[in-house]
Amino acid sequence: MSQCLSCGACCASFRVSFYWAEASDGGGTVPVELTETLDPWQSCMRGTWSDAPLCTALEGEVGSRVSCTIYSQRPSPCHAVNEGDAQCLRARERWGLTIPQQQPCPA
């Protein structure tokens, strides 16, 4: 099982910015009411544009049990983060969470 379901650190560590057209008002899937405008070309997830980012779509407690309320509609930067990659590890370190052990690929 993915450690992402009990982590959420990436959702509470970085600004999640993306091309404005990924939002529903531009034809995309991200609910526009959960976004903020950065400039004429970029939007971000509401709550992530601060010194203490916390995505408004994150439900639960970081490091305990979490879920994304718009998982199937999330923006491209969220698709780009993978469990155990550099961004994941930075976020987990920021929150004082253990580093996930890499699982060997099945033969």
PDB file of N, CA and C in Angstrom:
ATOM      1  N   MET A   1       0.841  -1.179   0.000  1.00  0.00           N
ATOM      2  CA  MET A   1       0.000   0.000   0.000  1.00  0.00           C
ATOM      3  C   MET A   1       0.888   1.245   0.000  1.00  0.00           C
ATOM      4  N   SER A   2       0.483   2.236  -0.709  1.00  0.00           N
ATOM      5  CA  SER A   2       1.244   3.470  -0.825  1.00  0.00           C
ATOM      6  C   SER A   2       1.291   4.219   0.499  1.00  0.00           C
ATOM      7  N   GLN A   3       2.478   4.721   0.851  1.00  0.00           N
ATOM      8  CA  GLN A   3       2.619   5.538   2.053  1.00  0.00           C
ATOM      9  C   GLN A   3       1.974   6.908   1.867  1.00  0.00           C
ATOM     10  N   CYS A   4       1.635   7.261   0.640  1.00  0.00           N
ATOM     11  CA  CYS A   4       0.982   8.547   0.372  1.00  0.00           C
ATOM     12  C   CYS A   4      -0.344   8.663   1.127  1.00  0.00           C
ATOM     13  N   LEU A   5      -1.019   7.544   1.362  1.00  0.00           N
ATOM     14  CA  LEU A   5      -2.308   7.562   2.046  1.00  0.00           C
ATOM     15  C   LEU A   5      -2.195   7.915   3.522  1.00  0.00           C
ATOM     16  N   SER A   6      -0.973   7.871   4.048  1.00  0.00           N
ATOM     17  CA  SER A   6      -0.779   8.260   5.443  1.00  0.00           C
ATOM     18  C   SER A   6       0.206   9.418   5.555  1.00  0.00           C
ATOM     19  N   CYS A   7       0.511  10.063   4.469  1.00  0.00           N
ATOM     20  CA  CYS A   7       1.537  11.099   4.481  1.00  0.00           C
ATOM     21  C   CYS A   7       0.939  12.484   4.265  1.00  0.00           C
ATOM     22  N   GLY A   8       0.789  12.907   3.013  1.00  0.00           N
ATOM     23  CA  GLY A   8       0.247  14.219   2.689  1.00  0.00           C
ATOM     24  C   GLY A   8       1.255  15.346   2.783  1.00  0.00           C
ATOM     25  N   ALA A   9       2.514  15.023   3.074  1.00  0.00           N
ATOM     26  CA  ALA A   9       3.525  16.067   3.248  1.00  0.00           C
ATOM     27  C   ALA A   9       3.705  16.930   2.004  1.00  0.00           C
ATOM     28  N   CYS A  10       3.631  16.338   0.827  1.00  0.00           N
ATOM     29  CA  CYS A  10       3.818  17.132  -0.395  1.00  0.00           C
ATOM     30  C   CYS A  10       2.689  18.156  -0.561  1.00  0.00           C
ATOM     31  N   CYS A  11       1.504  17.830  -0.080  1.00  0.00           N
ATOM     32  CA  CYS A  11       0.347  18.725  -0.183  1.00  0.00           C
ATOM     33  C   CYS A  11       0.421  19.864   0.826  1.00  0.00           C
ATOM     34  N   ALA A  12       1.362  19.756   1.757  1.00  0.00           N
ATOM     35  CA  ALA A  12       1.501  20.757   2.810  1.00  0.00           C
ATOM     36  C   ALA A  12       2.931  21.293   2.871  1.00  0.00           C
ATOM     37  N   SER A  13       3.610  21.297   1.717  1.00  0.00           N
ATOM     38  CA  SER A  13       4.999  21.769   1.692  1.00  0.00           C
ATOM     39  C   SER A  13       5.318  22.706   0.546  1.00  0.00           C
ATOM     40  N   PHE A  14       4.576  22.626  -0.542  1.00  0.00           N
ATOM     41  CA  PHE A  14       4.940  23.367  -1.743  1.00  0.00           C
ATOM     42  C   PHE A  14       3.752  24.116  -2.327  1.00  0.00           C
ATOM     43  N   ARG A  15       4.048  25.179  -3.066  1.00  0.00           N
ATOM     44  CA  ARG A  15       2.990  25.833  -3.844  1.00  0.00           C
ATOM     45  C   ARG A  15       2.714  24.945  -5.045  1.00  0.00           C
ATOM     46  N   VAL A  16       1.451  24.688  -5.310  1.00  0.00           N
ATOM     47  CA  VAL A  16       1.043  23.852  -6.434  1.00  0.00           C
ATOM     48  C   VAL A  16       0.530  24.781  -7.529  1.00  0.00           C
ATOM     49  N   SER A  17       1.441  25.195  -8.415  1.00  0.00           N
ATOM     50  CA  SER A  17       1.058  26.108  -9.488  1.00  0.00           C
ATOM     51  C   SER A  17       1.008  25.366 -10.818  1.00  0.00           C
ATOM     52  N   PHE A  18       0.132  25.849 -11.701  1.00  0.00           N
ATOM     53  CA  PHE A  18      -0.106  25.164 -12.973  1.00  0.00           C
ATOM     54  C   PHE A  18      -0.702  26.146 -13.978  1.00  0.00           C
ATOM     55  N   TYR A  19      -0.697  25.763 -15.244  1.00  0.00           N
ATOM     56  CA  TYR A  19      -1.275  26.574 -16.313  1.00  0.00           C
ATOM     57  C   TYR A  19      -2.769  26.760 -16.034  1.00  0.00           C
ATOM     58  N   TRP A  20      -3.235  27.988 -16.128  1.00  0.00           N
ATOM     59  CA  TRP A  20      -4.603  28.348 -15.748  1.00  0.00           C
ATOM     60  C   TRP A  20      -5.674  27.478 -16.394  1.00  0.00           C
ATOM     61  N   ALA A  21      -5.437  26.999 -17.617  1.00  0.00           N
ATOM     62  CA  ALA A  21      -6.451  26.228 -18.336  1.00  0.00           C
ATOM     63  C   ALA A  21      -6.658  24.819 -17.769  1.00  0.00           C
ATOM     64  N   GLU A  22      -5.850  24.410 -16.796  1.00  0.00           N
ATOM     65  CA  GLU A  22      -6.110  23.136 -16.117  1.00  0.00           C
ATOM     66  C   GLU A  22      -7.316  23.248 -15.198  1.00  0.00           C
ATOM     67  N   ALA A  23      -7.718  24.483 -14.866  1.00  0.00           N
ATOM     68  CA  ALA A  23      -8.893  24.702 -14.015  1.00  0.00           C
ATOM     69  C   ALA A  23     -10.165  24.568 -14.849  1.00  0.00           C
ATOM     70  N   SER A  24     -11.254  24.282 -14.174  1.00  0.00           N
ATOM     71  CA  SER A  24     -12.524  24.022 -14.870  1.00  0.00           C
ATOM     72  C   SER A  24     -13.025  25.218 -15.674  1.00  0.00           C
ATOM     73  N   ASP A  25     -12.699  26.434 -15.280  1.00  0.00           N
ATOM     74  CA  ASP A  25     -13.134  27.594 -16.067  1.00  0.00           C
ATOM     75  C   ASP A  25     -12.332  27.753 -17.353  1.00  0.00           C
ATOM     76  N   GLY A  26     -11.249  26.991 -17.499  1.00  0.00           N
ATOM     77  CA  GLY A  26     -10.454  27.008 -18.723  1.00  0.00           C
ATOM     78  C   GLY A  26     -10.599  25.725 -19.518  1.00  0.00           C
ATOM     79  N   GLY A  27     -11.541  24.863 -19.116  1.00  0.00           N
ATOM     80  CA  GLY A  27     -11.762  23.607 -19.819  1.00  0.00           C
ATOM     81  C   GLY A  27     -11.076  22.417 -19.177  1.00  0.00           C
ATOM     82  N   GLY A  28     -10.348  22.646 -18.090  1.00  0.00           N
ATOM     83  CA  GLY A  28      -9.643  21.566 -17.408  1.00  0.00           C
ATOM     84  C   GLY A  28     -10.487  20.900 -16.344  1.00  0.00           C
ATOM     85  N   THR A  29      -9.842  20.114 -15.521  1.00  0.00           N
ATOM     86  CA  THR A  29     -10.557  19.312 -14.532  1.00  0.00           C
ATOM     87  C   THR A  29     -10.495  19.858 -13.105  1.00  0.00           C
ATOM     88  N   VAL A  30      -9.544  20.721 -12.796  1.00  0.00           N
ATOM     89  CA  VAL A  30      -9.373  21.215 -11.428  1.00  0.00           C
ATOM     90  C   VAL A  30     -10.510  22.182 -11.094  1.00  0.00           C
ATOM     91  N   PRO A  31     -11.282  21.923 -10.057  1.00  0.00           N
ATOM     92  CA  PRO A  31     -12.385  22.823  -9.701  1.00  0.00           C
ATOM     93  C   PRO A  31     -11.868  24.247  -9.446  1.00  0.00           C
ATOM     94  N   VAL A  32     -12.334  25.204 -10.235  1.00  0.00           N
ATOM     95  CA  VAL A  32     -11.828  26.573 -10.173  1.00  0.00           C
ATOM     96  C   VAL A  32     -11.992  27.183  -8.787  1.00  0.00           C
ATOM     97  N   GLU A  33     -13.016  26.778  -8.050  1.00  0.00           N
ATOM     98  CA  GLU A  33     -13.232  27.350  -6.716  1.00  0.00           C
ATOM     99  C   GLU A  33     -12.145  26.931  -5.720  1.00  0.00           C
ATOM    100  N   LEU A  34     -11.316  25.967  -6.086  1.00  0.00           N
ATOM    101  CA  LEU A  34     -10.216  25.544  -5.228  1.00  0.00           C
ATOM    102  C   LEU A  34      -8.878  26.127  -5.674  1.00  0.00           C
ATOM    103  N   THR A  35      -8.932  27.112  -6.578  1.00  0.00           N
ATOM    104  CA  THR A  35      -7.707  27.695  -7.117  1.00  0.00           C
ATOM    105  C   THR A  35      -7.613  29.187  -6.809  1.00  0.00           C
ATOM    106  N   GLU A  36      -6.401  29.711  -6.948  1.00  0.00           N
ATOM    107  CA  GLU A  36      -6.124  31.142  -6.856  1.00  0.00           C
ATOM    108  C   GLU A  36      -5.365  31.532  -8.109  1.00  0.00           C
ATOM    109  N   THR A  37      -5.534  32.765  -8.567  1.00  0.00           N
ATOM    110  CA  THR A  37      -4.809  33.265  -9.729  1.00  0.00           C
ATOM    111  C   THR A  37      -3.459  33.803  -9.288  1.00  0.00           C
ATOM    112  N   LEU A  38      -2.390  33.343  -9.942  1.00  0.00           N
ATOM    113  CA  LEU A  38      -1.051  33.855  -9.677  1.00  0.00           C
ATOM    114  C   LEU A  38      -0.721  35.008 -10.606  1.00  0.00           C
ATOM    115  N   ASP A  39      -1.002  34.808 -11.886  1.00  0.00           N
ATOM    116  CA  ASP A  39      -0.776  35.814 -12.922  1.00  0.00           C
ATOM    117  C   ASP A  39      -1.675  35.435 -14.095  1.00  0.00           C
ATOM    118  N   PRO A  40      -1.633  36.148 -15.208  1.00  0.00           N
ATOM    119  CA  PRO A  40      -2.548  35.816 -16.311  1.00  0.00           C
ATOM    120  C   PRO A  40      -2.385  34.407 -16.887  1.00  0.00           C
ATOM    121  N   TRP A  41      -1.282  33.732 -16.587  1.00  0.00           N
ATOM    122  CA  TRP A  41      -1.021  32.425 -17.174  1.00  0.00           C
ATOM    123  C   TRP A  41      -1.049  31.281 -16.173  1.00  0.00           C
ATOM    124  N   GLN A  42      -0.930  31.595 -14.899  1.00  0.00           N
ATOM    125  CA  GLN A  42      -0.816  30.535 -13.901  1.00  0.00           C
ATOM    126  C   GLN A  42      -1.825  30.694 -12.766  1.00  0.00           C
ATOM    127  N   SER A  43      -2.263  29.552 -12.284  1.00  0.00           N
ATOM    128  CA  SER A  43      -3.090  29.473 -11.084  1.00  0.00           C
ATOM    129  C   SER A  43      -2.370  28.561 -10.109  1.00  0.00           C
ATOM    130  N   CYS A  44      -2.877  28.495  -8.888  1.00  0.00           N
ATOM    131  CA  CYS A  44      -2.339  27.544  -7.919  1.00  0.00           C
ATOM    132  C   CYS A  44      -3.486  27.016  -7.074  1.00  0.00           C
ATOM    133  N   MET A  45      -3.237  25.912  -6.413  1.00  0.00           N
ATOM    134  CA  MET A  45      -4.243  25.363  -5.513  1.00  0.00           C
ATOM    135  C   MET A  45      -4.373  26.303  -4.321  1.00  0.00           C
ATOM    136  N   ARG A  46      -5.594  26.614  -3.960  1.00  0.00           N
ATOM    137  CA  ARG A  46      -5.871  27.489  -2.818  1.00  0.00           C
ATOM    138  C   ARG A  46      -5.212  26.901  -1.564  1.00  0.00           C
ATOM    139  N   GLY A  47      -4.567  27.750  -0.818  1.00  0.00           N
ATOM    140  CA  GLY A  47      -3.903  27.341   0.412  1.00  0.00           C
ATOM    141  C   GLY A  47      -2.426  27.032   0.252  1.00  0.00           C
ATOM    142  N   THR A  48      -1.950  26.889  -0.981  1.00  0.00           N
ATOM    143  CA  THR A  48      -0.545  26.533  -1.169  1.00  0.00           C
ATOM    144  C   THR A  48       0.351  27.740  -1.413  1.00  0.00           C
ATOM    145  N   TRP A  49      -0.234  28.913  -1.615  1.00  0.00           N
ATOM    146  CA  TRP A  49       0.539  30.123  -1.885  1.00  0.00           C
ATOM    147  C   TRP A  49       0.731  30.889  -0.579  1.00  0.00           C
ATOM    148  N   SER A  50       1.491  30.297   0.334  1.00  0.00           N
ATOM    149  CA  SER A  50       1.732  30.924   1.631  1.00  0.00           C
ATOM    150  C   SER A  50       3.033  30.390   2.210  1.00  0.00           C
ATOM    151  N   ASP A  51       3.456  30.976   3.313  1.00  0.00           N
ATOM    152  CA  ASP A  51       4.662  30.504   3.987  1.00  0.00           C
ATOM    153  C   ASP A  51       4.462  29.129   4.613  1.00  0.00           C
ATOM    154  N   ALA A  52       3.223  28.794   4.909  1.00  0.00           N
ATOM    155  CA  ALA A  52       2.880  27.483   5.466  1.00  0.00           C
ATOM    156  C   ALA A  52       1.840  26.848   4.554  1.00  0.00           C
ATOM    157  N   PRO A  53       2.278  26.351   3.386  1.00  0.00           N
ATOM    158  CA  PRO A  53       1.321  25.813   2.415  1.00  0.00           C
ATOM    159  C   PRO A  53       0.523  24.632   2.961  1.00  0.00           C
ATOM    160  N   LEU A  54      -0.756  24.616   2.605  1.00  0.00           N
ATOM    161  CA  LEU A  54      -1.637  23.494   2.933  1.00  0.00           C
ATOM    162  C   LEU A  54      -2.755  23.495   1.901  1.00  0.00           C
ATOM    163  N   CYS A  55      -2.705  22.557   0.991  1.00  0.00           N
ATOM    164  CA  CYS A  55      -3.681  22.503  -0.088  1.00  0.00           C
ATOM    165  C   CYS A  55      -5.088  22.317   0.469  1.00  0.00           C
ATOM    166  N   THR A  56      -5.998  23.114  -0.034  1.00  0.00           N
ATOM    167  CA  THR A  56      -7.387  23.050   0.410  1.00  0.00           C
ATOM    168  C   THR A  56      -8.057  21.716   0.059  1.00  0.00           C
ATOM    169  N   ALA A  57      -7.500  20.988  -0.893  1.00  0.00           N
ATOM    170  CA  ALA A  57      -8.068  19.695  -1.285  1.00  0.00           C
ATOM    171  C   ALA A  57      -7.582  18.543  -0.407  1.00  0.00           C
ATOM    172  N   LEU A  58      -6.618  18.805   0.474  1.00  0.00           N
ATOM    173  CA  LEU A  58      -6.118  17.758   1.357  1.00  0.00           C
ATOM    174  C   LEU A  58      -7.073  17.582   2.529  1.00  0.00           C
ATOM    175  N   GLU A  59      -7.439  16.358   2.767  1.00  0.00           N
ATOM    176  CA  GLU A  59      -8.325  16.023   3.883  1.00  0.00           C
ATOM    177  C   GLU A  59      -7.574  15.095   4.827  1.00  0.00           C
ATOM    178  N   GLY A  60      -7.676  15.358   6.119  1.00  0.00           N
ATOM    179  CA  GLY A  60      -7.002  14.530   7.111  1.00  0.00           C
ATOM    180  C   GLY A  60      -5.848  15.262   7.747  1.00  0.00           C
ATOM    181  N   GLU A  61      -5.004  14.500   8.436  1.00  0.00           N
ATOM    182  CA  GLU A  61      -3.867  15.055   9.171  1.00  0.00           C
ATOM    183  C   GLU A  61      -2.562  14.566   8.552  1.00  0.00           C
ATOM    184  N   VAL A  62      -1.684  15.500   8.198  1.00  0.00           N
ATOM    185  CA  VAL A  62      -0.399  15.154   7.600  1.00  0.00           C
ATOM    186  C   VAL A  62       0.340  14.185   8.521  1.00  0.00           C
ATOM    187  N   GLY A  63       0.844  13.110   7.923  1.00  0.00           N
ATOM    188  CA  GLY A  63       1.589  12.102   8.660  1.00  0.00           C
ATOM    189  C   GLY A  63       0.729  11.061   9.340  1.00  0.00           C
ATOM    190  N   SER A  64      -0.578  11.178   9.197  1.00  0.00           N
ATOM    191  CA  SER A  64      -1.479  10.236   9.850  1.00  0.00           C
ATOM    192  C   SER A  64      -2.305   9.489   8.803  1.00  0.00           C
ATOM    193  N   ARG A  65      -3.398  10.090   8.411  1.00  0.00           N
ATOM    194  CA  ARG A  65      -4.251   9.496   7.373  1.00  0.00           C
ATOM    195  C   ARG A  65      -4.797  10.647   6.554  1.00  0.00           C
ATOM    196  N   VAL A  66      -4.528  10.639   5.260  1.00  0.00           N
ATOM    197  CA  VAL A  66      -4.923  11.739   4.394  1.00  0.00           C
ATOM    198  C   VAL A  66      -5.535  11.232   3.092  1.00  0.00           C
ATOM    199  N   SER A  67      -6.222  12.134   2.414  1.00  0.00           N
ATOM    200  CA  SER A  67      -6.700  11.853   1.070  1.00  0.00           C
ATOM    201  C   SER A  67      -6.865  13.180   0.338  1.00  0.00           C
ATOM    202  N   CYS A  68      -6.860  13.101  -0.957  1.00  0.00           N
ATOM    203  CA  CYS A  68      -7.084  14.263  -1.809  1.00  0.00           C
ATOM    204  C   CYS A  68      -8.547  14.232  -2.240  1.00  0.00           C
ATOM    205  N   THR A  69      -9.261  15.298  -1.942  1.00  0.00           N
ATOM    206  CA  THR A  69     -10.689  15.329  -2.263  1.00  0.00           C
ATOM    207  C   THR A  69     -10.951  15.475  -3.757  1.00  0.00           C
ATOM    208  N   ILE A  70      -9.916  15.816  -4.530  1.00  0.00           N
ATOM    209  CA  ILE A  70     -10.087  15.945  -5.989  1.00  0.00           C
ATOM    210  C   ILE A  70      -9.066  15.081  -6.731  1.00  0.00           C
ATOM    211  N   TYR A  71      -8.700  13.952  -6.160  1.00  0.00           N
ATOM    212  CA  TYR A  71      -7.620  13.120  -6.700  1.00  0.00           C
ATOM    213  C   TYR A  71      -7.728  12.918  -8.218  1.00  0.00           C
ATOM    214  N   SER A  72      -8.881  12.555  -8.721  1.00  0.00           N
ATOM    215  CA  SER A  72      -9.018  12.302 -10.163  1.00  0.00           C
ATOM    216  C   SER A  72      -9.027  13.594 -10.976  1.00  0.00           C
ATOM    217  N   GLN A  73      -9.138  14.735 -10.316  1.00  0.00           N
ATOM    218  CA  GLN A  73      -9.177  16.035 -10.993  1.00  0.00           C
ATOM    219  C   GLN A  73      -7.950  16.882 -10.680  1.00  0.00           C
ATOM    220  N   ARG A  74      -6.981  16.340  -9.950  1.00  0.00           N
ATOM    221  CA  ARG A  74      -5.829  17.116  -9.487  1.00  0.00           C
ATOM    222  C   ARG A  74      -5.009  17.661 -10.664  1.00  0.00           C
ATOM    223  N   PRO A  75      -4.272  18.764 -10.425  1.00  0.00           N
ATOM    224  CA  PRO A  75      -3.486  19.371 -11.493  1.00  0.00           C
ATOM    225  C   PRO A  75      -2.192  18.610 -11.785  1.00  0.00           C
ATOM    226  N   SER A  76      -1.563  18.951 -12.895  1.00  0.00           N
ATOM    227  CA  SER A  76      -0.365  18.250 -13.363  1.00  0.00           C
ATOM    228  C   SER A  76       0.773  18.180 -12.351  1.00  0.00           C
ATOM    229  N   PRO A  77       1.061  19.227 -11.555  1.00  0.00           N
ATOM    230  CA  PRO A  77       2.166  19.082 -10.602  1.00  0.00           C
ATOM    231  C   PRO A  77       1.927  17.950  -9.605  1.00  0.00           C
ATOM    232  N   CYS A  78       0.684  17.694  -9.275  1.00  0.00           N
ATOM    233  CA  CYS A  78       0.366  16.604  -8.344  1.00  0.00           C
ATOM    234  C   CYS A  78       0.610  15.242  -8.993  1.00  0.00           C
ATOM    235  N   HIS A  79       0.393  15.159 -10.288  1.00  0.00           N
ATOM    236  CA  HIS A  79       0.668  13.912 -11.015  1.00  0.00           C
ATOM    237  C   HIS A  79       2.168  13.659 -11.082  1.00  0.00           C
ATOM    238  N   ALA A  80       2.962  14.728 -11.058  1.00  0.00           N
ATOM    239  CA  ALA A  80       4.406  14.621 -11.251  1.00  0.00           C
ATOM    240  C   ALA A  80       5.151  14.129 -10.011  1.00  0.00           C
ATOM    241  N   VAL A  81       4.563  14.271  -8.826  1.00  0.00           N
ATOM    242  CA  VAL A  81       5.231  13.824  -7.595  1.00  0.00           C
ATOM    243  C   VAL A  81       5.003  12.329  -7.433  1.00  0.00           C
ATOM    244  N   ASN A  82       6.077  11.615  -7.191  1.00  0.00           N
ATOM    245  CA  ASN A  82       5.998  10.165  -6.996  1.00  0.00           C
ATOM    246  C   ASN A  82       6.568   9.795  -5.639  1.00  0.00           C
ATOM    247  N   GLU A  83       5.985   8.807  -5.030  1.00  0.00           N
ATOM    248  CA  GLU A  83       6.457   8.334  -3.732  1.00  0.00           C
ATOM    249  C   GLU A  83       7.942   8.011  -3.802  1.00  0.00           C
ATOM    250  N   GLY A  84       8.709   8.619  -2.901  1.00  0.00           N
ATOM    251  CA  GLY A  84      10.141   8.355  -2.822  1.00  0.00           C
ATOM    252  C   GLY A  84      11.002   9.209  -3.724  1.00  0.00           C
ATOM    253  N   ASP A  85      10.411  10.076  -4.577  1.00  0.00           N
ATOM    254  CA  ASP A  85      11.245  10.934  -5.420  1.00  0.00           C
ATOM    255  C   ASP A  85      11.785  12.100  -4.594  1.00  0.00           C
ATOM    256  N   ALA A  86      12.635  12.925  -5.182  1.00  0.00           N
ATOM    257  CA  ALA A  86      13.305  14.002  -4.454  1.00  0.00           C
ATOM    258  C   ALA A  86      12.323  14.967  -3.801  1.00  0.00           C
ATOM    259  N   GLN A  87      11.250  15.321  -4.496  1.00  0.00           N
ATOM    260  CA  GLN A  87      10.273  16.249  -3.930  1.00  0.00           C
ATOM    261  C   GLN A  87       9.546  15.616  -2.750  1.00  0.00           C
ATOM    262  N   CYS A  88       9.196  14.362  -2.873  1.00  0.00           N
ATOM    263  CA  CYS A  88       8.564  13.614  -1.777  1.00  0.00           C
ATOM    264  C   CYS A  88       9.481  13.595  -0.555  1.00  0.00           C
ATOM    265  N   LEU A  89      10.741  13.290  -0.776  1.00  0.00           N
ATOM    266  CA  LEU A  89      11.681  13.193   0.335  1.00  0.00           C
ATOM    267  C   LEU A  89      11.883  14.534   1.025  1.00  0.00           C
ATOM    268  N   ARG A  90      11.945  15.635   0.255  1.00  0.00           N
ATOM    269  CA  ARG A  90      12.070  16.976   0.848  1.00  0.00           C
ATOM    270  C   ARG A  90      10.850  17.296   1.716  1.00  0.00           C
ATOM    271  N   ALA A  91       9.669  16.970   1.209  1.00  0.00           N
ATOM    272  CA  ALA A  91       8.438  17.244   1.953  1.00  0.00           C
ATOM    273  C   ALA A  91       8.383  16.420   3.232  1.00  0.00           C
ATOM    274  N   ARG A  92       8.724  15.150   3.141  1.00  0.00           N
ATOM    275  CA  ARG A  92       8.694  14.280   4.320  1.00  0.00           C
ATOM    276  C   ARG A  92       9.702  14.754   5.363  1.00  0.00           C
ATOM    277  N   GLU A  93      10.871  15.187   4.916  1.00  0.00           N
ATOM    278  CA  GLU A  93      11.880  15.703   5.838  1.00  0.00           C
ATOM    279  C   GLU A  93      11.365  16.970   6.536  1.00  0.00           C
ATOM    280  N   ARG A  94      10.734  17.846   5.773  1.00  0.00           N
ATOM    281  CA  ARG A  94      10.185  19.082   6.339  1.00  0.00           C
ATOM    282  C   ARG A  94       9.203  18.783   7.475  1.00  0.00           C
ATOM    283  N   TRP A  95       8.425  17.721   7.321  1.00  0.00           N
ATOM    284  CA  TRP A  95       7.422  17.347   8.323  1.00  0.00           C
ATOM    285  C   TRP A  95       7.961  16.372   9.369  1.00  0.00           C
ATOM    286  N   GLY A  96       9.239  16.010   9.273  1.00  0.00           N
ATOM    287  CA  GLY A  96       9.827  15.093  10.240  1.00  0.00           C
ATOM    288  C   GLY A  96       9.329  13.670  10.110  1.00  0.00           C
ATOM    289  N   LEU A  97       8.935  13.293   8.906  1.00  0.00           N
ATOM    290  CA  LEU A  97       8.429  11.939   8.661  1.00  0.00           C
ATOM    291  C   LEU A  97       9.557  11.051   8.173  1.00  0.00           C
ATOM    292  N   THR A  98       9.481   9.788   8.462  1.00  0.00           N
ATOM    293  CA  THR A  98      10.507   8.850   8.023  1.00  0.00           C
ATOM    294  C   THR A  98      10.506   8.753   6.511  1.00  0.00           C
ATOM    295  N   ILE A  99      11.646   8.403   5.997  1.00  0.00           N
ATOM    296  CA  ILE A  99      11.807   8.251   4.552  1.00  0.00           C
ATOM    297  C   ILE A  99      11.298   6.862   4.150  1.00  0.00           C
ATOM    298  N   PRO A 100      10.424   6.797   3.138  1.00  0.00           N
ATOM    299  CA  PRO A 100       9.904   5.481   2.746  1.00  0.00           C
ATOM    300  C   PRO A 100      11.004   4.585   2.195  1.00  0.00           C
ATOM    301  N   GLN A 101      10.933   3.327   2.541  1.00  0.00           N
ATOM    302  CA  GLN A 101      11.875   2.336   2.027  1.00  0.00           C
ATOM    303  C   GLN A 101      11.459   1.967   0.614  1.00  0.00           C
ATOM    304  N   GLN A 102      12.413   1.945  -0.290  1.00  0.00           N
ATOM    305  CA  GLN A 102      12.126   1.547  -1.653  1.00  0.00           C
ATOM    306  C   GLN A 102      11.849   0.039  -1.667  1.00  0.00           C
ATOM    307  N   GLN A 103      10.763  -0.325  -2.288  1.00  0.00           N
ATOM    308  CA  GLN A 103      10.409  -1.739  -2.403  1.00  0.00           C
ATOM    309  C   GLN A 103      11.021  -2.297  -3.676  1.00  0.00           C
ATOM    310  N   PRO A 104      11.617  -3.504  -3.605  1.00  0.00           N
ATOM    311  CA  PRO A 104      12.163  -4.101  -4.830  1.00  0.00           C
ATOM    312  C   PRO A 104      11.039  -4.435  -5.808  1.00  0.00           C
ATOM    313  N   CYS A 105      11.359  -4.342  -7.066  1.00  0.00           N
ATOM    314  CA  CYS A 105      10.373  -4.696  -8.093  1.00  0.00           C
ATOM    315  C   CYS A 105      10.187  -6.210  -8.092  1.00  0.00           C
ATOM    316  N   PRO A 106       8.956  -6.671  -8.260  1.00  0.00           N
ATOM    317  CA  PRO A 106       8.728  -8.123  -8.306  1.00  0.00           C
ATOM    318  C   PRO A 106       9.430  -8.727  -9.535  1.00  0.00           C
ATOM    319  N   ALA A 107       9.942  -9.896  -9.355  1.00  0.00           N
ATOM    320  CA  ALA A 107      10.678 -10.573 -10.452  1.00  0.00           C
ATOM    321  C   ALA A 107       9.744 -11.054 -11.519  1.00  0.00           C
TER     322      ALA A 107
END
